[in-house]
Amino acid sequence: MKKSLKYIALAFIGTLVSCKDEVKQPKVIYDASSRATTVTKTDSAQIEVADLPIEMEGTGYLIHPVGDLRVYEKGTKGRYGSSSVNDVSFTISNLSEFELTGYLQNLKFQKTDSDSIRPLSEKPVLILTATYLKPVADKTHNKIIVYTLADSDTNKDGKIDTGDIKTLYLSDVSGENFTKISEDFQELVDWSLIESKSRLYFRTIEDTNQNGQFDKNDVLHYNYIDLLSKKWEVKSYKPI
């Protein structure tokens, strides 16, 4: 009987630990002093590297992905008494036909007939995707790149990472006119290009109850941008 009680107690403790692990960390921490925290310092343990440049068809620009090189320690034993061996990957990005993905600190742009290289962002960001809207370029000659990224330390843990709010940006194909499209403190849900109308539709969610999470009790916002317009103006619409 004592053994049974012991096993039940251990199972109960294990359940509590499991439940604790499943509690989601807030994406936003609110205070009265500021609406966002900008990270200006970098981690000295991280080593900045760049992938070889890529060129998306029709852009006329090379893009140099820049990110942090991390060294991971394997759990397997090495030879001659070594307790572990290091595993290093020097590739920091992935490229499909017109989309670059990764956990990137910046992108550097270089015109194909020039040696000059300029950064996309002058402030710390974490770029998750960069998508060249080739259908729009083919139809209208407007060459635009769409980015999903984190641009501020919204959960105030001292770094910009995937635990912070994801936002939507646009830029010209040169990396210039880098412009935030989504509202501060609204999490980007998704975006879609409607080629026939040359419109970029996107949804965001607002933490209306300010509990730090984005859930079913919060409000979705529906927006679009006319990519033919000289100024990228966000317009809201109400499908429901």
Protein backbone atom coordinates (compact mmCIF):
# COMPACT_ATOMS: atom_id res chain seq x y z
CA MET A 1 0.00 0.00 0.00
CA LYS A 2 2.86 2.35 0.88
CA LYS A 3 4.48 1.64 -2.47
CA SER A 4 1.22 2.45 -4.27
CA LEU A 5 0.91 5.76 -2.43
CA LYS A 6 4.53 6.54 -3.30
CA TYR A 7 3.91 5.91 -7.01
CA ILE A 8 0.74 8.03 -6.93
CA ALA A 9 2.63 10.89 -5.28
CA LEU A 10 5.41 10.71 -7.85
CA ALA A 11 2.88 10.65 -10.69
CA PHE A 12 1.12 13.71 -9.21
CA ILE A 13 4.41 15.61 -8.96
CA GLY A 14 5.24 14.63 -12.54
CA THR A 15 1.87 15.94 -13.70
CA LEU A 16 2.46 19.25 -11.94
CA VAL A 17 5.89 19.61 -13.56
CA SER A 18 4.41 18.75 -16.97
CA CYS A 19 1.61 21.31 -16.55
CA LYS A 20 4.15 23.94 -15.52
CA ASP A 21 6.20 23.24 -18.65
CA GLU A 22 3.12 23.63 -20.86
CA VAL A 23 2.30 27.13 -19.56
CA LYS A 24 2.97 29.51 -22.41
CA GLN A 25 5.29 32.39 -21.84
CA PRO A 26 3.66 35.77 -22.60
CA LYS A 27 4.58 37.42 -25.89
CA VAL A 28 3.90 40.85 -24.43
CA ILE A 29 4.71 42.30 -21.02
CA TYR A 30 2.99 45.62 -20.40
CA ASP A 31 4.14 48.45 -18.16
CA ALA A 32 3.43 52.14 -17.87
CA SER A 33 6.87 53.28 -18.96
CA SER A 34 6.91 52.22 -22.60
CA ARG A 35 5.03 50.36 -25.31
CA ALA A 36 8.07 48.57 -26.70
CA THR A 37 11.60 47.66 -25.73
CA THR A 38 14.35 48.06 -28.29
CA VAL A 39 17.40 45.84 -27.96
CA THR A 40 20.65 47.65 -28.72
CA LYS A 41 23.29 45.29 -27.35
CA THR A 42 24.34 41.99 -28.88
CA ASP A 43 25.32 38.72 -27.24
CA SER A 44 29.13 38.49 -27.22
CA ALA A 45 28.88 34.68 -27.37
CA GLN A 46 27.30 34.85 -30.82
CA ILE A 47 29.41 34.97 -33.97
CA GLU A 48 27.98 36.90 -36.93
CA VAL A 49 28.34 35.21 -40.31
CA ALA A 50 26.90 35.69 -43.80
CA ASP A 51 25.75 33.11 -46.31
CA LEU A 52 26.93 33.42 -49.88
CA PRO A 53 24.80 35.96 -51.79
CA ILE A 54 21.66 34.91 -53.63
CA GLU A 55 19.96 36.53 -56.62
CA MET A 56 16.25 36.16 -57.21
CA GLU A 57 15.32 36.23 -60.88
CA GLY A 58 14.47 39.68 -62.19
CA THR A 59 15.54 41.66 -59.14
CA GLY A 60 18.90 42.95 -60.32
CA TYR A 61 20.22 42.69 -56.75
CA LEU A 62 22.31 40.28 -54.72
CA ILE A 63 21.06 39.60 -51.20
CA HIS A 64 23.55 38.65 -48.47
CA PRO A 65 21.80 36.87 -45.52
CA VAL A 66 23.42 37.72 -42.18
CA GLY A 67 22.86 35.77 -38.97
CA ASP A 68 24.44 34.27 -35.89
CA LEU A 69 26.60 31.17 -36.03
CA ARG A 70 25.94 28.89 -33.09
CA VAL A 71 28.02 25.94 -31.98
CA TYR A 72 25.98 23.03 -30.64
CA GLU A 73 27.45 20.35 -28.40
CA LYS A 74 26.63 16.77 -29.29
CA GLY A 75 25.85 14.31 -26.56
CA THR A 76 27.96 11.53 -28.06
CA LYS A 77 31.40 10.71 -26.74
CA GLY A 78 34.38 11.55 -28.89
CA ARG A 79 37.63 9.66 -29.28
CA TYR A 80 40.55 9.60 -26.85
CA GLY A 81 38.40 10.33 -23.82
CA SER A 82 36.69 13.43 -25.19
CA SER A 83 33.32 13.91 -23.48
CA SER A 84 31.61 15.48 -26.49
CA VAL A 85 32.16 16.83 -29.99
CA ASN A 86 30.98 20.12 -31.45
CA ASP A 87 28.56 20.37 -34.36
CA VAL A 88 28.74 23.55 -36.45
CA SER A 89 26.54 24.52 -39.38
CA PHE A 90 27.71 27.48 -41.41
CA THR A 91 24.41 27.72 -43.33
CA ILE A 92 22.03 30.23 -41.75
CA SER A 93 19.32 30.57 -44.42
CA ASN A 94 17.22 28.56 -46.86
CA LEU A 95 16.10 29.64 -50.32
CA SER A 96 13.09 28.51 -52.30
CA GLU A 97 12.41 30.10 -55.70
CA PHE A 98 11.40 33.55 -54.47
CA GLU A 99 11.50 33.25 -50.68
CA LEU A 100 14.37 33.38 -48.20
CA THR A 101 13.83 31.89 -44.73
CA GLY A 102 15.84 31.54 -41.54
CA TYR A 103 16.54 33.31 -38.26
CA LEU A 104 18.41 36.26 -39.73
CA GLN A 105 19.80 39.37 -38.05
CA ASN A 106 19.84 41.37 -41.28
CA LEU A 107 19.94 41.28 -45.06
CA LYS A 108 22.54 43.19 -47.09
CA PHE A 109 21.66 44.38 -50.61
CA GLN A 110 24.09 44.83 -53.49
CA LYS A 111 23.20 45.98 -57.00
CA THR A 112 24.59 43.45 -59.48
CA ASP A 113 26.72 46.09 -61.27
CA SER A 114 28.09 47.59 -58.05
CA ASP A 115 30.42 46.64 -55.18
CA SER A 116 28.47 48.75 -52.68
CA ILE A 117 26.52 46.82 -50.03
CA ARG A 118 23.83 48.36 -47.80
CA PRO A 119 21.89 46.87 -44.85
CA LEU A 120 18.13 46.44 -44.85
CA SER A 121 17.72 47.51 -41.21
CA GLU A 122 19.78 49.83 -39.02
CA LYS A 123 18.26 48.42 -35.82
CA PRO A 124 18.23 44.88 -34.37
CA VAL A 125 15.57 42.62 -35.91
CA LEU A 126 14.99 38.89 -36.39
CA ILE A 127 13.96 38.21 -39.99
CA LEU A 128 12.01 34.98 -40.50
CA THR A 129 10.97 35.28 -44.16
CA ALA A 130 11.69 37.57 -47.10
CA THR A 131 9.44 37.01 -50.13
CA TYR A 132 9.88 38.68 -53.52
CA LEU A 133 6.50 39.39 -55.11
CA LYS A 134 7.48 38.39 -58.62
CA PRO A 135 3.88 38.15 -59.96
CA VAL A 136 3.38 41.82 -59.05
CA ALA A 137 6.73 42.78 -60.60
CA ASP A 138 5.90 40.93 -63.84
CA LYS A 139 2.51 42.61 -64.08
CA THR A 140 3.17 46.15 -62.82
CA HIS A 141 6.99 46.54 -62.71
CA ASN A 142 6.64 47.36 -58.98
CA LYS A 143 9.38 45.27 -57.35
CA ILE A 144 8.49 44.63 -53.71
CA ILE A 145 9.73 42.31 -50.96
CA VAL A 146 7.52 41.22 -48.04
CA TYR A 147 9.08 40.39 -44.67
CA THR A 148 7.85 38.66 -41.53
CA LEU A 149 10.06 39.51 -38.56
CA ALA A 150 10.32 40.50 -34.92
CA ASP A 151 11.45 44.07 -34.40
CA SER A 152 11.27 44.66 -30.63
CA ASP A 153 11.66 42.83 -27.35
CA THR A 154 7.94 42.70 -26.53
CA ASN A 155 8.28 40.04 -23.80
CA LYS A 156 11.19 41.97 -22.23
CA ASP A 157 13.60 39.09 -21.83
CA GLY A 158 16.53 41.13 -23.13
CA LYS A 159 16.63 39.74 -26.68
CA ILE A 160 14.66 39.71 -29.91
CA ASP A 161 13.64 36.17 -30.82
CA THR A 162 10.67 34.02 -31.81
CA GLY A 163 9.14 34.64 -28.39
CA ASP A 164 8.40 38.23 -29.44
CA ILE A 165 5.57 39.54 -31.61
CA LYS A 166 5.83 38.78 -35.33
CA THR A 167 5.27 41.80 -37.61
CA LEU A 168 4.89 42.58 -41.32
CA TYR A 169 7.22 44.84 -43.33
CA LEU A 170 7.65 45.82 -46.98
CA SER A 171 10.60 47.22 -48.90
CA ASP A 172 11.64 48.01 -52.44
CA VAL A 173 13.69 45.31 -54.14
CA SER A 174 16.80 47.35 -53.30
CA GLY A 175 16.07 47.04 -49.57
CA GLU A 176 15.21 50.74 -49.42
CA ASN A 177 11.91 52.12 -48.15
CA PHE A 178 11.86 49.46 -45.41
CA THR A 179 8.42 50.07 -43.91
CA LYS A 180 6.45 48.51 -41.06
CA ILE A 181 2.91 47.65 -42.17
CA SER A 182 1.31 45.96 -39.16
CA GLU A 183 0.44 47.85 -35.99
CA ASP A 184 2.65 47.79 -32.90
CA PHE A 185 1.65 45.05 -30.44
CA GLN A 186 -0.50 43.22 -32.98
CA GLU A 187 0.70 39.72 -33.87
CA LEU A 188 0.78 38.88 -37.58
CA VAL A 189 -1.42 35.83 -38.26
CA ASP A 190 -0.87 35.45 -42.02
CA TRP A 191 -0.71 37.29 -45.33
CA SER A 192 -1.73 36.54 -48.92
CA LEU A 193 -1.13 38.09 -52.33
CA ILE A 194 -4.16 38.50 -54.62
CA GLU A 195 -2.50 38.85 -58.00
CA SER A 196 -5.59 39.94 -59.97
CA LYS A 197 -6.03 43.00 -57.75
CA SER A 198 -2.34 43.57 -56.91
CA ARG A 199 -3.30 43.61 -53.26
CA LEU A 200 -1.55 42.24 -50.20
CA TYR A 201 -4.10 41.00 -47.65
CA PHE A 202 -3.09 40.25 -44.07
CA ARG A 203 -4.56 39.50 -40.66
CA THR A 204 -3.31 40.52 -37.23
CA ILE A 205 -4.55 39.78 -33.75
CA GLU A 206 -4.69 42.32 -30.93
CA ASP A 207 -4.28 41.35 -27.28
CA THR A 208 -7.40 43.28 -26.26
CA ASN A 209 -7.57 41.84 -22.73
CA GLN A 210 -3.82 42.51 -22.27
CA ASN A 211 -3.04 39.15 -20.71
CA GLY A 212 0.15 38.88 -22.75
CA GLN A 213 -1.17 36.05 -24.95
CA PHE A 214 -2.99 35.92 -28.28
CA ASP A 215 -6.02 33.65 -28.03
CA LYS A 216 -9.71 33.22 -28.91
CA ASN A 217 -10.71 36.05 -26.58
CA ASP A 218 -8.77 38.62 -28.59
CA VAL A 219 -9.74 40.56 -31.72
CA LEU A 220 -8.68 39.81 -35.30
CA HIS A 221 -8.04 42.72 -37.66
CA TYR A 222 -8.41 42.34 -41.45
CA ASN A 223 -6.35 44.62 -43.71
CA TYR A 224 -5.03 45.04 -47.22
CA ILE A 225 -2.57 47.22 -49.14
CA ASP A 226 -2.90 48.35 -52.74
CA LEU A 227 0.54 47.55 -54.13
CA LEU A 228 -0.07 49.77 -57.17
CA SER A 229 -0.26 52.83 -54.96
CA LYS A 230 2.83 55.02 -54.61
CA LYS A 231 2.25 55.07 -50.83
CA TRP A 232 1.70 51.80 -48.96
CA GLU A 233 -1.47 52.67 -47.11
CA VAL A 234 -3.10 50.05 -44.89
CA LYS A 235 -6.86 49.79 -45.34
CA SER A 236 -9.10 47.73 -43.07
CA TYR A 237 -12.09 45.70 -44.20
CA LYS A 238 -14.75 43.66 -42.39
CA PRO A 239 -15.45 40.21 -43.90
CA ILE A 240 -17.52 39.20 -40.83
